[in-house]
Amino acid sequence: MKIVLASNNRGKLAELQAMFAPLGVELIRQADLGVGEAQEPHRTFVENALEKARFAAAHTGLPALADDAGLCVDAFGGLPGVDTAYYCTQFGYEKGDDNNVSALLEQMQGQDQRRAAMVSTLVAVRSPQDPEPLIAVGRVVGEITRERRGSNGFGFDPVMFIPEFGKTFAELPVEVKNAHSHRGRAAQQMLALLRERWL
């Protein structure tokens, strides 16, 4: 079964492709089908993921899977949330993972409340008008470190300390991170939903 991934992020594609391989599902990046980015006008992960999935399905004629994910920092009232990818731009940085980490560390200087959650919301639709989208949410709670640690992963992985492992996501082997990350947890739920409802 071919499903278009409503993302152009190669890191997400690699992570999700590995997780979905056992189902015989082939994920294809929307960019590889000539589809641009959908608008993300909403303030919640689920609404943006649904918008992206419907957009990809409408432009490709294939079932679509979208992920909207982000970092929710307690000290910032849950922000940056849906604006995670562009977090650093509000502080004069150019958009990018490394700059996001730099901006976050700067903004959290002197902050003792360092609890944060990484949240991933996956939405799958069979068609743009699918009245019954599949929705899976994965969430991991940890703390923002005071400096980068580890070199695996992407995004905020180098500063997201996971107490149950005593390490940041970037310090974990990729297969361990994938099994326990917010995206990994959402993907496991989504796999179960796909098996039950679509396959």
N, C-alpha and C. Protein backbone atom coordinates (compact mmCIF):
# COMPACT_ATOMS: atom_id res chain seq x y z
N MET A 1 0.85 -1.19 0.00
CA MET A 1 0.00 0.00 0.00
C MET A 1 0.89 1.24 0.00
N LYS A 2 0.57 2.18 -0.90
CA LYS A 2 1.32 3.44 -0.96
C LYS A 2 0.56 4.52 -0.23
N ILE A 3 1.26 5.24 0.63
CA ILE A 3 0.68 6.36 1.36
C ILE A 3 1.61 7.55 1.18
N VAL A 4 1.04 8.71 0.85
CA VAL A 4 1.87 9.90 0.70
C VAL A 4 2.10 10.51 2.09
N LEU A 5 3.35 10.84 2.38
CA LEU A 5 3.68 11.49 3.65
C LEU A 5 3.63 12.99 3.42
N ALA A 6 2.73 13.64 4.14
CA ALA A 6 2.53 15.09 3.98
C ALA A 6 3.61 15.86 4.74
N SER A 7 4.85 15.62 4.33
CA SER A 7 6.00 16.29 4.94
C SER A 7 7.15 16.20 3.96
N ASN A 8 8.04 17.17 3.99
CA ASN A 8 9.24 17.11 3.17
C ASN A 8 10.48 16.91 4.04
N ASN A 9 10.25 16.62 5.34
CA ASN A 9 11.33 16.42 6.30
C ASN A 9 11.89 15.01 6.14
N ARG A 10 13.16 14.93 5.71
CA ARG A 10 13.78 13.62 5.47
C ARG A 10 13.95 12.82 6.76
N GLY A 11 14.17 13.52 7.88
CA GLY A 11 14.31 12.84 9.17
C GLY A 11 13.02 12.12 9.54
N LYS A 12 11.90 12.81 9.38
CA LYS A 12 10.58 12.21 9.66
C LYS A 12 10.31 11.03 8.74
N LEU A 13 10.63 11.20 7.45
CA LEU A 13 10.40 10.12 6.48
C LEU A 13 11.17 8.87 6.89
N ALA A 14 12.45 9.03 7.21
CA ALA A 14 13.28 7.88 7.57
C ALA A 14 12.74 7.19 8.83
N GLU A 15 12.37 7.99 9.85
CA GLU A 15 11.83 7.43 11.09
C GLU A 15 10.54 6.66 10.83
N LEU A 16 9.61 7.31 10.14
CA LEU A 16 8.30 6.70 9.92
C LEU A 16 8.37 5.52 8.95
N GLN A 17 9.22 5.61 7.93
CA GLN A 17 9.35 4.50 6.97
C GLN A 17 9.81 3.24 7.69
N ALA A 18 10.76 3.38 8.60
CA ALA A 18 11.26 2.23 9.36
C ALA A 18 10.14 1.63 10.22
N MET A 19 9.31 2.49 10.80
CA MET A 19 8.24 2.01 11.67
C MET A 19 7.09 1.36 10.89
N PHE A 20 6.84 1.83 9.66
CA PHE A 20 5.70 1.34 8.89
C PHE A 20 6.06 0.17 7.98
N ALA A 21 7.36 -0.10 7.81
CA ALA A 21 7.82 -1.18 6.93
C ALA A 21 7.16 -2.53 7.24
N PRO A 22 7.01 -2.92 8.53
CA PRO A 22 6.42 -4.23 8.83
C PRO A 22 5.00 -4.42 8.26
N LEU A 23 4.29 -3.32 8.01
CA LEU A 23 2.93 -3.42 7.46
C LEU A 23 2.92 -3.54 5.95
N GLY A 24 4.09 -3.39 5.33
CA GLY A 24 4.14 -3.39 3.88
C GLY A 24 3.64 -2.08 3.30
N VAL A 25 3.72 -1.03 4.11
CA VAL A 25 3.29 0.30 3.67
C VAL A 25 4.50 1.05 3.15
N GLU A 26 4.38 1.60 1.95
CA GLU A 26 5.46 2.42 1.39
C GLU A 26 5.08 3.89 1.52
N LEU A 27 5.89 4.64 2.23
CA LEU A 27 5.65 6.08 2.37
C LEU A 27 6.41 6.83 1.27
N ILE A 28 5.71 7.77 0.63
CA ILE A 28 6.32 8.59 -0.41
C ILE A 28 6.21 10.05 0.01
N ARG A 29 7.33 10.76 0.03
CA ARG A 29 7.30 12.18 0.38
C ARG A 29 6.49 12.96 -0.65
N GLN A 30 5.66 13.88 -0.20
CA GLN A 30 4.84 14.66 -1.13
C GLN A 30 5.71 15.44 -2.13
N ALA A 31 6.88 15.90 -1.69
CA ALA A 31 7.77 16.65 -2.59
C ALA A 31 8.19 15.79 -3.78
N ASP A 32 8.33 14.48 -3.55
CA ASP A 32 8.73 13.58 -4.63
C ASP A 32 7.60 13.39 -5.65
N LEU A 33 6.40 13.86 -5.31
CA LEU A 33 5.26 13.81 -6.22
C LEU A 33 4.90 15.21 -6.72
N GLY A 34 5.79 16.17 -6.44
CA GLY A 34 5.60 17.53 -6.92
C GLY A 34 4.59 18.34 -6.12
N VAL A 35 4.34 17.93 -4.89
CA VAL A 35 3.35 18.63 -4.05
C VAL A 35 4.08 19.54 -3.05
N GLY A 36 3.65 20.79 -2.99
CA GLY A 36 4.25 21.75 -2.05
C GLY A 36 3.67 21.59 -0.65
N GLU A 37 4.06 22.50 0.23
CA GLU A 37 3.61 22.46 1.63
C GLU A 37 2.19 23.01 1.77
N ALA A 38 1.41 22.39 2.63
CA ALA A 38 0.07 22.89 2.95
C ALA A 38 0.19 24.06 3.92
N GLN A 39 -0.84 24.88 3.96
CA GLN A 39 -0.92 25.92 4.98
C GLN A 39 -1.14 25.25 6.33
N GLU A 40 -0.64 25.85 7.40
CA GLU A 40 -0.87 25.34 8.75
C GLU A 40 -1.39 26.49 9.61
N PRO A 41 -2.66 26.86 9.41
CA PRO A 41 -3.20 28.05 10.05
C PRO A 41 -3.71 27.85 11.48
N HIS A 42 -3.72 26.61 11.94
CA HIS A 42 -4.38 26.30 13.22
C HIS A 42 -3.44 26.36 14.42
N ARG A 43 -4.01 26.38 15.60
CA ARG A 43 -3.22 26.49 16.83
C ARG A 43 -3.07 25.16 17.57
N THR A 44 -3.61 24.07 16.97
CA THR A 44 -3.43 22.75 17.60
C THR A 44 -2.77 21.80 16.60
N PHE A 45 -2.04 20.82 17.15
CA PHE A 45 -1.36 19.83 16.31
C PHE A 45 -2.37 19.04 15.47
N VAL A 46 -3.48 18.63 16.07
CA VAL A 46 -4.43 17.76 15.35
C VAL A 46 -5.06 18.49 14.16
N GLU A 47 -5.40 19.75 14.32
CA GLU A 47 -6.01 20.49 13.20
C GLU A 47 -5.01 20.69 12.07
N ASN A 48 -3.76 21.00 12.40
CA ASN A 48 -2.75 21.19 11.36
C ASN A 48 -2.42 19.88 10.65
N ALA A 49 -2.34 18.78 11.40
CA ALA A 49 -2.05 17.48 10.78
C ALA A 49 -3.18 17.09 9.83
N LEU A 50 -4.41 17.34 10.24
CA LEU A 50 -5.56 17.03 9.39
C LEU A 50 -5.54 17.87 8.11
N GLU A 51 -5.22 19.15 8.27
CA GLU A 51 -5.11 20.06 7.11
C GLU A 51 -4.06 19.54 6.13
N LYS A 52 -2.90 19.13 6.64
CA LYS A 52 -1.80 18.64 5.80
C LYS A 52 -2.17 17.33 5.11
N ALA A 53 -2.81 16.42 5.85
CA ALA A 53 -3.19 15.12 5.27
C ALA A 53 -4.21 15.31 4.15
N ARG A 54 -5.23 16.13 4.39
CA ARG A 54 -6.26 16.36 3.37
C ARG A 54 -5.64 17.02 2.11
N PHE A 55 -4.73 17.96 2.32
CA PHE A 55 -4.05 18.65 1.22
C PHE A 55 -3.26 17.66 0.37
N ALA A 56 -2.48 16.80 1.02
CA ALA A 56 -1.65 15.82 0.30
C ALA A 56 -2.52 14.82 -0.45
N ALA A 57 -3.60 14.37 0.18
CA ALA A 57 -4.51 13.42 -0.48
C ALA A 57 -5.18 14.08 -1.70
N ALA A 58 -5.58 15.34 -1.55
CA ALA A 58 -6.25 16.05 -2.64
C ALA A 58 -5.32 16.23 -3.84
N HIS A 59 -4.02 16.45 -3.58
CA HIS A 59 -3.09 16.74 -4.67
C HIS A 59 -2.42 15.50 -5.27
N THR A 60 -2.61 14.33 -4.64
CA THR A 60 -1.95 13.12 -5.16
C THR A 60 -2.91 12.00 -5.51
N GLY A 61 -4.14 12.04 -4.96
CA GLY A 61 -5.08 10.95 -5.18
C GLY A 61 -4.75 9.71 -4.36
N LEU A 62 -3.78 9.83 -3.47
CA LEU A 62 -3.38 8.70 -2.62
C LEU A 62 -3.87 8.93 -1.19
N PRO A 63 -3.99 7.84 -0.40
CA PRO A 63 -4.19 8.03 1.03
C PRO A 63 -2.99 8.83 1.56
N ALA A 64 -3.21 9.60 2.63
CA ALA A 64 -2.13 10.46 3.12
C ALA A 64 -1.97 10.34 4.63
N LEU A 65 -0.72 10.51 5.05
CA LEU A 65 -0.36 10.51 6.47
C LEU A 65 0.36 11.82 6.75
N ALA A 66 -0.08 12.51 7.78
CA ALA A 66 0.58 13.76 8.17
C ALA A 66 0.94 13.71 9.64
N ASP A 67 2.04 14.37 9.95
CA ASP A 67 2.50 14.46 11.33
C ASP A 67 2.62 15.93 11.66
N ASP A 68 2.03 16.35 12.75
CA ASP A 68 2.33 17.69 13.25
C ASP A 68 2.87 17.47 14.65
N ALA A 69 4.05 17.94 14.86
CA ALA A 69 4.73 17.67 16.12
C ALA A 69 5.41 18.91 16.63
N GLY A 70 5.69 18.92 17.90
CA GLY A 70 6.38 20.07 18.44
C GLY A 70 6.75 19.89 19.89
N LEU A 71 7.39 20.91 20.38
CA LEU A 71 7.86 20.96 21.75
C LEU A 71 6.93 21.86 22.55
N CYS A 72 6.47 21.37 23.68
CA CYS A 72 5.59 22.14 24.56
C CYS A 72 6.32 22.34 25.90
N VAL A 73 6.78 23.56 26.14
CA VAL A 73 7.59 23.87 27.32
C VAL A 73 6.68 24.44 28.42
N ASP A 74 6.67 23.79 29.57
CA ASP A 74 5.81 24.23 30.68
C ASP A 74 6.04 25.69 31.05
N ALA A 75 7.31 26.09 31.14
CA ALA A 75 7.64 27.46 31.57
C ALA A 75 7.13 28.51 30.58
N PHE A 76 6.85 28.10 29.34
CA PHE A 76 6.35 29.02 28.31
C PHE A 76 4.86 28.81 28.05
N GLY A 77 4.15 28.18 28.98
CA GLY A 77 2.72 27.96 28.81
C GLY A 77 2.38 27.01 27.67
N GLY A 78 3.29 26.07 27.40
CA GLY A 78 3.05 25.10 26.34
C GLY A 78 3.64 25.48 24.99
N LEU A 79 4.14 26.68 24.87
CA LEU A 79 4.77 27.10 23.62
C LEU A 79 6.18 26.51 23.54
N PRO A 80 6.78 26.39 22.36
CA PRO A 80 6.35 26.91 21.07
C PRO A 80 5.24 26.11 20.37
N GLY A 81 4.95 24.87 20.81
CA GLY A 81 3.81 24.14 20.25
C GLY A 81 3.85 24.04 18.75
N VAL A 82 2.75 24.49 18.09
CA VAL A 82 2.65 24.35 16.63
C VAL A 82 3.66 25.22 15.89
N ASP A 83 4.28 26.16 16.57
CA ASP A 83 5.28 27.04 15.95
C ASP A 83 6.71 26.54 16.15
N THR A 84 6.87 25.29 16.60
CA THR A 84 8.19 24.75 16.93
C THR A 84 9.19 24.88 15.79
N ALA A 85 8.80 24.55 14.57
CA ALA A 85 9.74 24.57 13.44
C ALA A 85 10.31 25.96 13.20
N TYR A 86 9.51 26.99 13.55
CA TYR A 86 9.94 28.37 13.30
C TYR A 86 10.33 29.10 14.59
N TYR A 87 10.48 28.34 15.67
CA TYR A 87 10.71 28.93 17.00
C TYR A 87 11.81 30.00 16.99
N CYS A 88 12.96 29.67 16.42
CA CYS A 88 14.13 30.56 16.50
C CYS A 88 13.95 31.85 15.70
N THR A 89 13.05 31.84 14.70
CA THR A 89 12.93 33.02 13.84
C THR A 89 12.43 34.24 14.61
N GLN A 90 11.70 34.02 15.69
CA GLN A 90 11.21 35.17 16.48
C GLN A 90 12.33 35.84 17.27
N PHE A 91 13.51 35.20 17.30
CA PHE A 91 14.65 35.77 18.03
C PHE A 91 15.77 36.17 17.06
N GLY A 92 15.42 36.35 15.79
CA GLY A 92 16.38 36.84 14.81
C GLY A 92 17.24 35.80 14.14
N TYR A 93 16.96 34.51 14.40
CA TYR A 93 17.73 33.44 13.76
C TYR A 93 17.06 33.03 12.45
N GLU A 94 17.85 32.41 11.57
CA GLU A 94 17.30 31.78 10.37
C GLU A 94 16.70 30.44 10.79
N LYS A 95 15.60 30.03 10.12
CA LYS A 95 14.93 28.76 10.45
C LYS A 95 15.91 27.60 10.34
N GLY A 96 15.89 26.71 11.34
CA GLY A 96 16.74 25.52 11.31
C GLY A 96 16.81 24.86 12.68
N ASP A 97 17.02 23.54 12.67
CA ASP A 97 17.07 22.77 13.92
C ASP A 97 18.12 23.30 14.89
N ASP A 98 19.32 23.52 14.37
CA ASP A 98 20.42 23.94 15.24
C ASP A 98 20.12 25.31 15.87
N ASN A 99 19.58 26.21 15.07
CA ASN A 99 19.22 27.54 15.58
C ASN A 99 18.08 27.46 16.59
N ASN A 100 17.13 26.53 16.37
CA ASN A 100 16.05 26.34 17.34
C ASN A 100 16.60 25.95 18.70
N VAL A 101 17.56 25.03 18.69
CA VAL A 101 18.17 24.58 19.95
C VAL A 101 18.89 25.74 20.63
N SER A 102 19.65 26.52 19.85
CA SER A 102 20.37 27.67 20.41
C SER A 102 19.41 28.67 21.04
N ALA A 103 18.32 28.99 20.32
CA ALA A 103 17.34 29.95 20.82
C ALA A 103 16.68 29.44 22.10
N LEU A 104 16.34 28.16 22.13
CA LEU A 104 15.70 27.58 23.32
C LEU A 104 16.63 27.66 24.53
N LEU A 105 17.88 27.28 24.34
CA LEU A 105 18.84 27.33 25.46
C LEU A 105 19.01 28.76 25.97
N GLU A 106 19.04 29.73 25.06
CA GLU A 106 19.14 31.14 25.46
C GLU A 106 17.91 31.58 26.25
N GLN A 107 16.74 31.24 25.73
CA GLN A 107 15.49 31.67 26.39
C GLN A 107 15.28 31.01 27.74
N MET A 108 15.91 29.85 27.95
CA MET A 108 15.73 29.13 29.21
C MET A 108 16.85 29.40 30.22
N GLN A 109 17.79 30.27 29.87
CA GLN A 109 18.87 30.60 30.81
C GLN A 109 18.25 31.12 32.10
N GLY A 110 18.74 30.61 33.23
CA GLY A 110 18.24 31.06 34.53
C GLY A 110 16.87 30.50 34.89
N GLN A 111 16.32 29.64 34.04
CA GLN A 111 15.00 29.05 34.28
C GLN A 111 15.17 27.70 34.97
N ASP A 112 14.57 27.56 36.16
CA ASP A 112 14.69 26.28 36.87
C ASP A 112 13.59 25.29 36.49
N GLN A 113 12.43 25.81 36.09
CA GLN A 113 11.33 24.94 35.64
C GLN A 113 11.65 24.54 34.20
N ARG A 114 12.15 23.31 33.99
CA ARG A 114 12.65 22.90 32.68
C ARG A 114 11.84 21.75 32.07
N ARG A 115 10.67 21.46 32.68
CA ARG A 115 9.84 20.37 32.18
C ARG A 115 9.25 20.72 30.81
N ALA A 116 9.25 19.73 29.92
CA ALA A 116 8.72 19.94 28.58
C ALA A 116 8.22 18.61 28.03
N ALA A 117 7.35 18.69 27.04
CA ALA A 117 6.85 17.49 26.37
C ALA A 117 7.09 17.61 24.87
N MET A 118 7.50 16.51 24.28
CA MET A 118 7.54 16.41 22.82
C MET A 118 6.23 15.71 22.45
N VAL A 119 5.49 16.30 21.52
CA VAL A 119 4.19 15.78 21.14
C VAL A 119 4.17 15.53 19.64
N SER A 120 3.65 14.37 19.23
CA SER A 120 3.48 14.06 17.82
C SER A 120 2.04 13.62 17.59
N THR A 121 1.40 14.27 16.64
CA THR A 121 0.04 13.90 16.27
C THR A 121 0.06 13.43 14.82
N LEU A 122 -0.27 12.17 14.61
CA LEU A 122 -0.34 11.60 13.27
C LEU A 122 -1.80 11.51 12.85
N VAL A 123 -2.08 11.94 11.63
CA VAL A 123 -3.43 11.85 11.08
C VAL A 123 -3.33 11.19 9.71
N ALA A 124 -4.19 10.19 9.47
CA ALA A 124 -4.23 9.52 8.17
C ALA A 124 -5.63 9.64 7.59
N VAL A 125 -5.69 9.91 6.30
CA VAL A 125 -6.98 9.97 5.60
C VAL A 125 -6.90 9.12 4.33
N ARG A 126 -8.02 8.48 3.98
CA ARG A 126 -8.09 7.67 2.76
C ARG A 126 -8.28 8.56 1.55
N SER A 127 -8.91 9.71 1.75
CA SER A 127 -9.19 10.66 0.68
C SER A 127 -9.35 12.03 1.32
N PRO A 128 -9.38 13.10 0.51
CA PRO A 128 -9.51 14.44 1.11
C PRO A 128 -10.81 14.62 1.91
N GLN A 129 -11.86 13.88 1.54
CA GLN A 129 -13.14 14.02 2.24
C GLN A 129 -13.37 12.95 3.29
N ASP A 130 -12.37 12.15 3.60
CA ASP A 130 -12.54 11.05 4.56
C ASP A 130 -13.21 11.56 5.85
N PRO A 131 -14.42 11.05 6.18
CA PRO A 131 -15.12 11.52 7.36
C PRO A 131 -14.58 10.90 8.65
N GLU A 132 -13.70 9.90 8.49
CA GLU A 132 -13.20 9.19 9.66
C GLU A 132 -11.67 9.11 9.63
N PRO A 133 -11.01 10.27 9.82
CA PRO A 133 -9.55 10.23 9.82
C PRO A 133 -9.04 9.42 11.00
N LEU A 134 -7.92 8.76 10.80
CA LEU A 134 -7.27 8.03 11.90
C LEU A 134 -6.38 9.04 12.62
N ILE A 135 -6.47 9.08 13.95
CA ILE A 135 -5.70 10.05 14.73
C ILE A 135 -4.97 9.34 15.85
N ALA A 136 -3.67 9.56 15.91
CA ALA A 136 -2.84 8.96 16.96
C ALA A 136 -1.94 10.04 17.57
N VAL A 137 -1.87 10.06 18.88
CA VAL A 137 -1.06 11.07 19.58
C VAL A 137 -0.03 10.38 20.47
N GLY A 138 1.23 10.79 20.31
CA GLY A 138 2.30 10.29 21.16
C GLY A 138 2.89 11.46 21.92
N ARG A 139 3.23 11.22 23.19
CA ARG A 139 3.73 12.31 24.04
C ARG A 139 4.82 11.76 24.94
N VAL A 140 5.92 12.49 25.04
CA VAL A 140 7.01 12.11 25.94
C VAL A 140 7.37 13.33 26.78
N VAL A 141 7.39 13.13 28.09
CA VAL A 141 7.72 14.23 29.00
C VAL A 141 9.17 14.08 29.47
N GLY A 142 9.86 15.20 29.46
CA GLY A 142 11.25 15.21 29.91
C GLY A 142 11.62 16.58 30.41
N GLU A 143 12.91 16.88 30.36
CA GLU A 143 13.41 18.19 30.80
C GLU A 143 14.39 18.72 29.77
N ILE A 144 14.42 20.03 29.64
CA ILE A 144 15.37 20.67 28.73
C ILE A 144 16.72 20.79 29.46
N THR A 145 17.76 20.22 28.85
CA THR A 145 19.10 20.28 29.45
C THR A 145 19.64 21.70 29.34
N ARG A 146 20.79 21.94 29.96
CA ARG A 146 21.40 23.27 29.91
C ARG A 146 22.41 23.39 28.78
N GLU A 147 22.74 22.25 28.15
CA GLU A 147 23.60 22.27 26.96
C GLU A 147 23.30 21.05 26.10
N ARG A 148 23.74 21.09 24.85
CA ARG A 148 23.52 19.97 23.92
C ARG A 148 24.25 18.72 24.41
N ARG A 149 23.59 17.57 24.20
CA ARG A 149 24.22 16.28 24.55
C ARG A 149 23.84 15.23 23.52
N GLY A 150 24.83 14.61 22.89
CA GLY A 150 24.57 13.54 21.93
C GLY A 150 24.50 14.05 20.50
N SER A 151 24.61 13.12 19.55
CA SER A 151 24.67 13.51 18.14
C SER A 151 23.66 12.77 17.25
N ASN A 152 22.83 11.92 17.84
CA ASN A 152 21.81 11.22 17.03
C ASN A 152 20.56 12.09 16.91
N GLY A 153 19.67 11.68 16.02
CA GLY A 153 18.38 12.34 15.93
C GLY A 153 18.43 13.69 15.25
N PHE A 154 17.38 14.49 15.48
CA PHE A 154 17.27 15.81 14.84
C PHE A 154 16.38 16.67 15.73
N GLY A 155 16.13 17.89 15.31
CA GLY A 155 15.25 18.77 16.09
C GLY A 155 15.82 19.07 17.46
N PHE A 156 14.98 18.95 18.49
CA PHE A 156 15.38 19.25 19.86
C PHE A 156 15.98 18.03 20.59
N ASP A 157 16.24 16.93 19.85
CA ASP A 157 16.77 15.72 20.49
C ASP A 157 17.99 15.95 21.38
N PRO A 158 18.94 16.85 21.00
CA PRO A 158 20.14 17.03 21.84
C PRO A 158 19.87 17.69 23.19
N VAL A 159 18.70 18.32 23.38
CA VAL A 159 18.43 18.98 24.66
C VAL A 159 17.21 18.40 25.37
N MET A 160 16.61 17.34 24.81
CA MET A 160 15.44 16.72 25.43
C MET A 160 15.89 15.53 26.27
N PHE A 161 16.03 15.77 27.58
CA PHE A 161 16.49 14.75 28.52
C PHE A 161 15.30 13.90 28.96
N ILE A 162 15.45 12.58 28.82
CA ILE A 162 14.38 11.65 29.17
C ILE A 162 14.77 10.92 30.45
N PRO A 163 14.11 11.26 31.59
CA PRO A 163 14.50 10.69 32.88
C PRO A 163 14.55 9.16 32.91
N GLU A 164 13.61 8.47 32.24
CA GLU A 164 13.60 7.00 32.31
C GLU A 164 14.86 6.38 31.71
N PHE A 165 15.54 7.10 30.81
CA PHE A 165 16.79 6.60 30.23
C PHE A 165 18.02 7.28 30.82
N GLY A 166 17.81 8.42 31.49
CA GLY A 166 18.95 9.17 32.02
C GLY A 166 19.80 9.77 30.91
N LYS A 167 19.20 9.98 29.74
CA LYS A 167 19.92 10.51 28.58
C LYS A 167 18.99 11.40 27.77
N THR A 168 19.61 12.20 26.87
CA THR A 168 18.80 12.94 25.91
C THR A 168 18.44 11.99 24.77
N PHE A 169 17.44 12.37 23.97
CA PHE A 169 17.09 11.57 22.80
C PHE A 169 18.29 11.41 21.89
N ALA A 170 19.12 12.45 21.78
CA ALA A 170 20.28 12.41 20.87
C ALA A 170 21.39 11.49 21.37
N GLU A 171 21.33 11.08 22.64
CA GLU A 171 22.33 10.16 23.19
C GLU A 171 21.89 8.70 23.08
N LEU A 172 20.64 8.48 22.70
CA LEU A 172 20.13 7.11 22.60
C LEU A 172 20.41 6.52 21.22
N PRO A 173 20.61 5.19 21.15
CA PRO A 173 20.69 4.56 19.82
C PRO A 173 19.38 4.84 19.07
N VAL A 174 19.47 4.98 17.77
CA VAL A 174 18.32 5.36 16.95
C VAL A 174 17.12 4.44 17.18
N GLU A 175 17.37 3.11 17.25
CA GLU A 175 16.25 2.17 17.40
C GLU A 175 15.56 2.32 18.76
N VAL A 176 16.32 2.68 19.79
CA VAL A 176 15.73 2.90 21.13
C VAL A 176 14.91 4.19 21.11
N LYS A 177 15.49 5.24 20.53
CA LYS A 177 14.77 6.51 20.43
C LYS A 177 13.47 6.32 19.66
N ASN A 178 13.54 5.66 18.48
CA ASN A 178 12.35 5.47 17.66
C ASN A 178 11.25 4.71 18.38
N ALA A 179 11.63 3.75 19.21
CA ALA A 179 10.65 2.95 19.93
C ALA A 179 9.98 3.74 21.06
N HIS A 180 10.67 4.74 21.60
CA HIS A 180 10.17 5.44 22.79
C HIS A 180 9.87 6.92 22.59
N SER A 181 10.13 7.43 21.38
CA SER A 181 9.90 8.86 21.14
C SER A 181 8.42 9.16 21.01
N HIS A 182 8.09 10.44 21.02
CA HIS A 182 6.71 10.88 20.79
C HIS A 182 6.22 10.37 19.44
N ARG A 183 7.07 10.46 18.41
CA ARG A 183 6.67 9.98 17.09
C ARG A 183 6.56 8.47 17.08
N GLY A 184 7.47 7.80 17.79
CA GLY A 184 7.42 6.34 17.88
C GLY A 184 6.13 5.87 18.54
N ARG A 185 5.72 6.56 19.61
CA ARG A 185 4.48 6.19 20.31
C ARG A 185 3.26 6.45 19.44
N ALA A 186 3.26 7.59 18.73
CA ALA A 186 2.14 7.89 17.83
C ALA A 186 2.11 6.87 16.68
N ALA A 187 3.29 6.51 16.17
CA ALA A 187 3.36 5.57 15.05
C ALA A 187 2.84 4.19 15.46
N GLN A 188 3.16 3.75 16.68
CA GLN A 188 2.66 2.45 17.15
C GLN A 188 1.14 2.44 17.19
N GLN A 189 0.56 3.54 17.71
CA GLN A 189 -0.90 3.66 17.73
C GLN A 189 -1.45 3.67 16.31
N MET A 190 -0.79 4.41 15.41
CA MET A 190 -1.26 4.51 14.03
C MET A 190 -1.17 3.16 13.32
N LEU A 191 -0.11 2.41 13.56
CA LEU A 191 0.03 1.07 12.97
C LEU A 191 -1.16 0.20 13.36
N ALA A 192 -1.52 0.25 14.64
CA ALA A 192 -2.66 -0.54 15.13
C ALA A 192 -3.95 -0.10 14.45
N LEU A 193 -4.13 1.23 14.31
CA LEU A 193 -5.34 1.75 13.65
C LEU A 193 -5.39 1.35 12.17
N LEU A 194 -4.26 1.44 11.48
CA LEU A 194 -4.22 1.06 10.06
C LEU A 194 -4.56 -0.41 9.88
N ARG A 195 -3.97 -1.26 10.74
CA ARG A 195 -4.25 -2.71 10.68
C ARG A 195 -5.74 -2.99 10.86
N GLU A 196 -6.30 -2.33 11.86
CA GLU A 196 -7.69 -2.56 12.23
C GLU A 196 -8.68 -2.00 11.20
N ARG A 197 -8.39 -0.81 10.65
CA ARG A 197 -9.40 -0.11 9.85
C ARG A 197 -9.16 -0.14 8.34
N TRP A 198 -7.89 -0.18 7.91
CA TRP A 198 -7.61 -0.02 6.48
C TRP A 198 -7.11 -1.28 5.79
N LEU A 199 -6.46 -2.18 6.52
CA LEU A 199 -5.79 -3.30 5.84
C LEU A 199 -6.59 -4.60 5.91
